[in-house]
Amino acid sequence: MEKLGVAVLGATGAVGQRFIQLLENHPWFEVREVIGSSRSAGQVYGEAANWVLDGGPPAAVSGLEVKPLDADFESLLVFSALPKEAAETREMELAAAGHVVCTNASANRMVADVPLLLPEANADHVRLVDVQRRKRGWTTGALVANSNCTVMPVVMSLAPLRKFGVRKILMVSAQAISGAGYPGVASLDILDNIIPYVSGDENKMETESLRMLGTLAGEEIAWLDAVTSASCNRAPVVDGHLVNMSVDMEARPELDEIVAAWEAFRGPAPVNQLPSAPERPVQYLPQIDRPQIRRDRNAGNGMTTSVGRLRPCPLLGYKFAALAHNTIRGAAGSSILNAELLAVQGYLAGFHP
C-alpha cells in the first residue's frame, strides 16, 4: 500500500515534534511537508527544529524544507500543532480548500460542527463531518479536533462508567510542564514548587469533558447532563497529567463493578483495530500508590490511561486517580488516531488503508 503524504503545521514546536516522532514508520501515513513560523520557513527542518524529545528528528524528515504557514500544501491530510491564534483562521481555510485537518489546537474545539474526538469514547461523533461538509459546502475538506490534554484521562476513565449515570465530577489535576509547550515554565518557578493555576484549563476540563461524553443527536451533540468542577495545578514533572477525581453516579455500583467496567472497556470496531489504538485503552492498577506519573505514563506506548486508588468518597460516592501521557495520548497521538478513524470511515478522499 502506498502511504498517504501528510503535512504537520507547527512542526518545529514541542507537539509538532511529537507528531513527527509518532509518524515515523507509521503504516499508513508519511510526513512529506513540514510547516513552521516565519522564523524557520525556508530552513532545513533538522536545523530549524530545536529538538526537545529523546534522540533526534527522523532522517526522512530532517532534510525537508520548512514551509511558511501561508503556503499552498499538497497533502490531503494535515496535522495541526499550531498555537491558538494561528490556528483559528488557518485551520478553517485549509479545510475549506479541501484538506482534512486533524488539530490539537484549542481554537476550534468547541465549534458546534467540529467533532471533538476520543475514538474509544465517542467514535460516532465523527459523523459531524457529514454535517460540517454539507453546511459549509466542503467536498473533501474537514476539521476534526482532539481535546485538551488534561481532559483526556478524565474522559477515558469516565467513558466506561456512563452506564452508571454520571451526575457530578470533581477534578483536581497535577499537570506536567510539557503541557505548557517549550520552553514552558521557568525553572525558578516550577522547581521545588507546585503552581495552583494553569491558564484556561479549568474551563476546558469542565466543558470539553461533557461534550465528549455526550451523544450525537441528529446534527448536534447532546452534552452529558452532569455538573463539573475543576482545579488545575502545574507540577514539576516533564510529561504526564494526573487527575484526582470524585464522582457521583446514580446507579451506586459496587467498587468491583467499576473496576470490571474499566477492565472490560475497549474501543468499538473499527477503533480497536487502528494502528495507534492501544490494546487496553484503560488499565486499572490495584497497588495503593498507583498510578504514578514516572512509572505509568508510557503504558500502551503512551496511549493507555492508567486508573487507580478507587475508594469510597464521603461527598460524592467514589474517588480515584487517572493518568495519561499529555503529549502522546493528550495531543499528537490522539490526533493521529483520529486521522486513522477518518481513513477507515472513508473521509480521506481516494485513500483506502
Protein backbone atom coordinates (compact mmCIF):
# COMPACT_ATOMS: atom_id res chain seq x y z
CA MET A 1 0.00 0.00 0.00
CA GLU A 2 1.31 3.43 -0.92
CA LYS A 3 1.41 5.68 2.12
CA LEU A 4 -0.55 8.92 2.26
CA GLY A 5 1.62 12.02 2.39
CA VAL A 6 0.78 14.32 5.32
CA ALA A 7 1.70 17.81 6.46
CA VAL A 8 2.47 18.93 10.01
CA LEU A 9 1.66 22.52 10.99
CA GLY A 10 3.78 23.94 13.79
CA ALA A 11 6.27 21.16 13.09
CA THR A 12 9.21 22.74 14.91
CA GLY A 13 7.39 23.12 18.25
CA ALA A 14 7.21 20.53 21.03
CA VAL A 15 3.88 18.98 19.99
CA GLY A 16 4.85 19.26 16.32
CA GLN A 17 7.96 17.26 17.11
CA ARG A 18 5.83 14.63 18.84
CA PHE A 19 3.76 14.33 15.64
CA ILE A 20 6.98 13.85 13.65
CA GLN A 21 8.24 11.23 16.09
CA LEU A 22 4.99 9.23 16.23
CA LEU A 23 4.52 9.30 12.47
CA GLU A 24 7.95 7.78 11.81
CA ASN A 25 7.33 4.33 10.32
CA HIS A 26 3.55 4.75 10.50
CA PRO A 27 1.98 2.04 8.33
CA TRP A 28 -0.43 4.43 6.54
CA PHE A 29 0.94 7.99 6.76
CA GLU A 30 4.22 9.62 5.79
CA VAL A 31 5.38 13.15 6.63
CA ARG A 32 6.14 14.98 3.40
CA GLU A 33 5.54 18.62 4.37
CA VAL A 34 6.59 20.49 7.49
CA ILE A 35 5.30 23.96 8.25
CA GLY A 36 6.73 26.44 10.70
CA SER A 37 6.78 30.09 11.63
CA SER A 38 8.27 32.87 9.54
CA ARG A 39 11.48 32.46 11.57
CA SER A 40 12.02 28.87 10.44
CA ALA A 41 10.46 28.98 6.95
CA GLY A 42 12.99 28.25 4.22
CA GLN A 43 15.34 26.38 6.54
CA VAL A 44 16.02 22.66 6.58
CA TYR A 45 13.88 21.02 9.26
CA GLY A 46 16.78 19.31 11.04
CA GLU A 47 18.43 22.70 11.55
CA ALA A 48 15.28 24.72 12.24
CA ALA A 49 13.86 22.40 14.92
CA ASN A 50 15.35 22.68 18.40
CA TRP A 51 14.67 19.01 19.05
CA VAL A 52 13.46 18.56 22.66
CA LEU A 53 12.47 14.87 22.56
CA ASP A 54 14.74 11.87 23.01
CA GLY A 55 17.02 11.15 20.06
CA GLY A 56 16.73 13.37 17.02
CA PRO A 57 14.38 14.07 14.12
CA PRO A 58 13.86 11.16 11.70
CA ALA A 59 16.27 11.20 8.77
CA ALA A 60 13.40 11.17 6.27
CA VAL A 61 12.05 14.43 7.73
CA SER A 62 15.28 16.12 8.76
CA GLY A 63 16.08 17.20 5.20
CA LEU A 64 12.67 18.65 4.34
CA GLU A 65 12.43 22.39 3.80
CA VAL A 66 10.19 24.16 6.29
CA LYS A 67 7.29 25.87 4.53
CA PRO A 68 5.54 29.05 5.73
CA LEU A 69 2.03 28.81 7.12
CA ASP A 70 0.51 30.71 4.20
CA ALA A 71 1.97 28.35 1.58
CA ASP A 72 -0.10 26.04 -0.62
CA PHE A 73 0.12 22.45 0.61
CA GLU A 74 -0.06 19.27 -1.45
CA SER A 75 -1.04 16.91 1.37
CA LEU A 76 -4.70 15.96 1.77
CA LEU A 77 -4.19 15.18 5.46
CA VAL A 78 -2.86 17.94 7.70
CA PHE A 79 -1.95 17.64 11.39
CA SER A 80 -2.03 20.90 13.33
CA ALA A 81 0.11 21.74 16.34
CA LEU A 82 -0.43 25.46 15.86
CA PRO A 83 -0.84 27.93 18.70
CA LYS A 84 -4.42 29.06 19.23
CA GLU A 85 -4.12 32.43 17.49
CA ALA A 86 -2.63 31.00 14.30
CA ALA A 87 -4.99 28.01 14.26
CA GLU A 88 -8.27 29.87 14.49
CA THR A 89 -8.46 31.04 10.88
CA ARG A 90 -5.81 28.96 9.10
CA GLU A 91 -7.32 25.59 10.00
CA MET A 92 -10.70 26.63 8.61
CA GLU A 93 -9.06 27.99 5.46
CA LEU A 94 -7.29 24.72 4.85
CA ALA A 95 -10.43 22.66 5.41
CA ALA A 96 -12.34 24.93 3.03
CA ALA A 97 -9.57 24.38 0.46
CA GLY A 98 -10.12 20.61 0.58
CA HIS A 99 -7.67 19.46 3.26
CA VAL A 100 -8.64 17.21 6.17
CA VAL A 101 -7.23 18.89 9.26
CA CYS A 102 -6.72 16.94 12.50
CA THR A 103 -5.90 19.52 15.12
CA ASN A 104 -4.52 19.56 18.61
CA ALA A 105 -5.10 23.33 18.87
CA SER A 106 -7.83 24.65 21.15
CA ALA A 107 -9.12 27.38 18.82
CA ASN A 108 -11.91 25.44 17.08
CA ARG A 109 -12.62 22.60 19.52
CA MET A 110 -15.97 23.89 20.68
CA VAL A 111 -17.33 24.92 17.26
CA ALA A 112 -20.66 23.10 17.02
CA ASP A 113 -19.95 21.15 13.83
CA VAL A 114 -16.32 20.26 14.64
CA PRO A 115 -16.04 16.73 16.08
CA LEU A 116 -14.15 16.67 19.38
CA LEU A 117 -12.97 13.08 19.15
CA LEU A 118 -11.60 10.49 21.51
CA PRO A 119 -12.35 7.44 19.36
CA GLU A 120 -12.69 4.83 22.11
CA ALA A 121 -15.23 7.06 23.87
CA ASN A 122 -17.16 8.78 21.08
CA ALA A 123 -16.24 7.39 17.66
CA ASP A 124 -19.77 8.05 16.38
CA HIS A 125 -19.18 11.81 16.76
CA VAL A 126 -17.10 11.54 13.57
CA ARG A 127 -20.39 11.77 11.67
CA LEU A 128 -20.39 15.50 12.42
CA VAL A 129 -18.00 15.69 9.45
CA ASP A 130 -21.00 14.98 7.21
CA VAL A 131 -22.89 17.87 8.84
CA GLN A 132 -19.83 20.09 8.55
CA ARG A 133 -19.34 19.39 4.87
CA ARG A 134 -22.98 19.87 4.00
CA LYS A 135 -23.40 23.13 5.91
CA ARG A 136 -20.11 24.65 4.79
CA GLY A 137 -20.11 23.37 1.20
CA TRP A 138 -16.89 21.42 1.68
CA THR A 139 -16.42 18.39 -0.59
CA THR A 140 -13.21 16.75 0.62
CA GLY A 141 -12.21 19.09 3.45
CA ALA A 142 -12.87 18.61 7.16
CA LEU A 143 -11.75 19.84 10.56
CA VAL A 144 -11.56 17.40 13.47
CA ALA A 145 -10.16 18.17 16.94
CA ASN A 146 -8.86 16.33 19.96
CA SER A 147 -9.39 17.67 23.45
CA ASN A 148 -7.28 19.50 25.98
CA CYS A 149 -4.54 17.19 27.27
CA THR A 150 -5.86 17.11 30.85
CA VAL A 151 -9.38 16.28 29.70
CA MET A 152 -8.12 13.09 28.08
CA PRO A 153 -7.70 10.93 31.24
CA VAL A 154 -10.97 12.32 32.61
CA VAL A 155 -13.00 11.27 29.59
CA MET A 156 -11.23 7.96 29.15
CA SER A 157 -11.77 6.96 32.78
CA LEU A 158 -15.43 8.07 32.77
CA ALA A 159 -16.47 6.66 29.39
CA PRO A 160 -16.82 3.10 30.76
CA LEU A 161 -18.85 4.46 33.70
CA ARG A 162 -21.52 6.34 31.73
CA LYS A 163 -23.83 3.34 32.08
CA PHE A 164 -23.95 4.01 35.83
CA GLY A 165 -25.34 7.53 35.31
CA VAL A 166 -22.50 10.01 35.98
CA ARG A 167 -24.01 13.12 37.62
CA LYS A 168 -21.22 15.11 39.30
CA ILE A 169 -17.47 15.25 38.60
CA LEU A 170 -14.86 16.94 40.80
CA MET A 171 -11.39 17.11 39.23
CA VAL A 172 -8.01 18.20 40.67
CA SER A 173 -5.03 17.94 38.34
CA ALA A 174 -1.27 17.69 38.63
CA GLN A 175 -0.05 18.65 35.14
CA ALA A 176 3.40 18.21 33.61
CA ILE A 177 5.41 21.21 32.49
CA SER A 178 5.47 19.98 28.88
CA GLY A 179 1.78 20.87 28.76
CA ALA A 180 2.89 24.50 28.66
CA GLY A 181 4.93 23.95 25.49
CA TYR A 182 8.62 24.70 25.11
CA PRO A 183 10.43 26.26 26.95
CA GLY A 184 7.43 26.03 29.28
CA VAL A 185 7.53 27.15 32.90
CA ALA A 186 10.65 28.91 34.14
CA SER A 187 12.83 26.66 36.30
CA LEU A 188 12.83 29.11 39.21
CA ASP A 189 9.03 28.95 39.24
CA ILE A 190 8.50 25.18 38.97
CA LEU A 191 11.46 23.60 40.81
CA ASP A 192 10.59 22.80 44.43
CA ASN A 193 7.07 24.01 43.72
CA ILE A 194 3.52 23.27 42.59
CA ILE A 195 1.66 26.14 40.93
CA PRO A 196 -2.11 26.12 41.60
CA TYR A 197 -3.04 27.71 38.28
CA VAL A 198 -2.94 26.62 34.64
CA SER A 199 -4.32 29.30 32.34
CA GLY A 200 -7.61 28.35 30.69
CA ASP A 201 -7.53 24.66 31.57
CA GLU A 202 -10.17 24.60 34.28
CA ASN A 203 -12.87 25.82 31.93
CA LYS A 204 -11.74 23.35 29.26
CA MET A 205 -11.96 20.46 31.72
CA GLU A 206 -15.44 21.48 32.82
CA THR A 207 -16.83 21.86 29.30
CA GLU A 208 -14.91 19.65 26.86
CA SER A 209 -15.43 16.59 29.08
CA LEU A 210 -19.21 16.95 28.99
CA ARG A 211 -19.25 17.43 25.22
CA MET A 212 -17.06 14.39 24.58
CA LEU A 213 -19.07 12.19 26.94
CA GLY A 214 -22.32 13.29 25.30
CA THR A 215 -24.26 11.66 22.49
CA LEU A 216 -24.75 12.53 18.84
CA ALA A 217 -28.36 13.63 18.49
CA GLY A 218 -29.19 14.34 14.86
CA GLU A 219 -26.83 17.08 13.73
CA GLU A 220 -25.50 18.15 17.12
CA ILE A 221 -24.01 16.83 20.34
CA ALA A 222 -26.22 16.48 23.40
CA TRP A 223 -23.77 17.09 26.24
CA LEU A 224 -23.62 14.74 29.21
CA ASP A 225 -26.05 16.07 31.83
CA ALA A 226 -23.64 16.39 34.73
CA VAL A 227 -22.12 19.06 36.97
CA THR A 228 -18.35 19.57 36.80
CA SER A 229 -15.76 21.41 38.88
CA ALA A 230 -12.02 21.51 38.11
CA SER A 231 -8.88 22.82 39.81
CA CYS A 232 -5.64 22.71 37.79
CA ASN A 233 -2.10 22.60 39.14
CA ARG A 234 1.29 22.63 37.41
CA ALA A 235 3.69 20.03 38.87
CA PRO A 236 7.47 19.59 38.44
CA VAL A 237 7.40 16.58 36.10
CA VAL A 238 8.27 16.60 32.40
CA ASP A 239 5.42 14.51 30.93
CA GLY A 240 2.19 13.07 32.30
CA HIS A 241 -1.01 14.57 33.65
CA LEU A 242 -2.55 13.04 36.80
CA VAL A 243 -6.14 13.89 37.76
CA ASN A 244 -7.69 13.03 41.12
CA MET A 245 -11.44 12.72 40.68
CA SER A 246 -14.55 12.36 42.84
CA VAL A 247 -17.68 11.19 41.02
CA ASP A 248 -21.35 10.90 41.86
CA MET A 249 -23.22 8.15 39.98
CA GLU A 250 -26.93 7.48 40.02
CA ALA A 251 -26.74 3.68 39.98
CA ARG A 252 -24.41 3.40 43.00
CA PRO A 253 -22.38 0.46 41.66
CA GLU A 254 -20.12 -1.63 43.86
CA LEU A 255 -16.40 -0.89 43.60
CA ASP A 256 -15.70 -4.19 41.87
CA GLU A 257 -18.35 -3.35 39.25
CA ILE A 258 -16.46 -0.14 38.44
CA VAL A 259 -13.15 -1.97 38.15
CA ALA A 260 -14.80 -4.55 35.90
CA ALA A 261 -16.15 -1.78 33.66
CA TRP A 262 -12.66 -0.31 33.27
CA GLU A 263 -11.05 -3.67 32.62
CA ALA A 264 -13.65 -4.66 30.01
CA PHE A 265 -13.58 -1.33 28.18
CA ARG A 266 -12.39 -1.49 24.58
CA GLY A 267 -12.86 0.82 21.64
CA PRO A 268 -15.71 -0.12 19.31
CA ALA A 269 -14.93 -1.61 15.92
CA PRO A 270 -13.04 -0.44 13.93
CA VAL A 271 -11.30 1.73 16.55
CA ASN A 272 -9.77 -1.19 18.41
CA GLN A 273 -8.00 -2.31 15.21
CA LEU A 274 -6.45 1.04 14.27
CA PRO A 275 -2.63 1.18 14.20
CA SER A 276 -2.30 3.69 17.05
CA ALA A 277 -5.02 2.22 19.28
CA PRO A 278 -3.68 0.63 22.48
CA GLU A 279 -4.69 -2.92 23.28
CA ARG A 280 -6.14 -1.63 26.55
CA PRO A 281 -7.46 1.95 26.48
CA VAL A 282 -7.85 1.87 30.28
CA GLN A 283 -5.88 -0.18 32.78
CA TYR A 284 -6.70 -0.42 36.47
CA LEU A 285 -3.71 -0.61 38.82
CA PRO A 286 -4.58 -2.21 42.18
CA GLN A 287 -1.48 -1.01 44.06
CA ILE A 288 -2.31 1.54 46.76
CA ASP A 289 0.14 4.12 45.37
CA ARG A 290 -0.54 3.91 41.62
CA PRO A 291 -0.84 5.31 39.02
CA GLN A 292 2.40 7.26 39.24
CA ILE A 293 3.46 9.70 36.55
CA ARG A 294 7.04 8.47 36.08
CA ARG A 295 6.15 4.78 36.20
CA ASP A 296 2.88 4.67 34.28
CA ARG A 297 2.76 7.49 31.72
CA ASN A 298 4.20 5.31 28.92
CA ALA A 299 1.69 2.46 29.28
CA GLY A 300 0.45 1.27 25.90
CA ASN A 301 3.18 3.31 24.15
CA GLY A 302 1.77 6.38 25.88
CA MET A 303 -1.79 5.76 24.65
CA THR A 304 -3.24 3.88 27.67
CA THR A 305 -4.94 5.70 30.53
CA SER A 306 -3.96 4.30 33.93
CA VAL A 307 -6.53 4.40 36.73
CA GLY A 308 -6.09 3.53 40.39
CA ARG A 309 -6.87 4.29 44.04
CA LEU A 310 -10.59 3.59 43.64
CA ARG A 311 -12.30 4.02 47.02
CA PRO A 312 -15.48 5.42 48.58
CA CYS A 313 -15.85 9.20 48.69
CA PRO A 314 -17.89 10.58 51.62
CA LEU A 315 -19.01 13.55 49.50
CA LEU A 316 -19.80 12.17 46.04
CA GLY A 317 -19.66 8.41 46.41
CA TYR A 318 -16.47 7.40 44.59
CA LYS A 319 -12.95 8.73 44.09
CA PHE A 320 -9.95 7.61 42.05
CA ALA A 321 -6.89 8.84 40.15
CA ALA A 322 -6.45 8.82 36.36
CA LEU A 323 -3.21 9.38 34.44
CA ALA A 324 -2.37 9.91 30.76
CA HIS A 325 0.73 10.95 28.78
CA ASN A 326 -0.12 14.51 27.85
CA THR A 327 1.83 14.92 24.59
CA ILE A 328 1.03 11.43 23.27
CA ARG A 329 -2.49 10.42 24.35
CA GLY A 330 -3.33 14.00 25.20
CA ALA A 331 -2.05 15.57 21.99
CA ALA A 332 -0.30 14.18 18.89
CA GLY A 333 -1.17 10.52 19.46
CA SER A 334 -4.87 11.27 19.69
CA SER A 335 -4.82 13.39 16.54
CA ILE A 336 -3.15 10.53 14.67
CA LEU A 337 -5.72 8.06 15.99
CA ASN A 338 -8.47 10.45 14.87
CA ALA A 339 -6.95 10.52 11.38
CA GLU A 340 -6.84 6.72 11.29
CA LEU A 341 -10.55 6.62 12.15
CA LEU A 342 -11.29 9.13 9.39
CA ALA A 343 -9.33 6.97 6.96
CA VAL A 344 -11.23 3.75 7.64
CA GLN A 345 -14.56 5.60 7.64
CA GLY A 346 -13.88 6.91 4.12
CA TYR A 347 -13.33 10.58 4.94
CA LEU A 348 -9.90 10.77 3.26
CA ALA A 349 -10.87 11.01 -0.40
CA GLY A 350 -9.22 8.33 -2.53
CA PHE A 351 -7.20 6.81 0.33
CA HIS A 352 -8.18 3.33 1.46
CA PRO A 353 -5.90 1.67 4.05
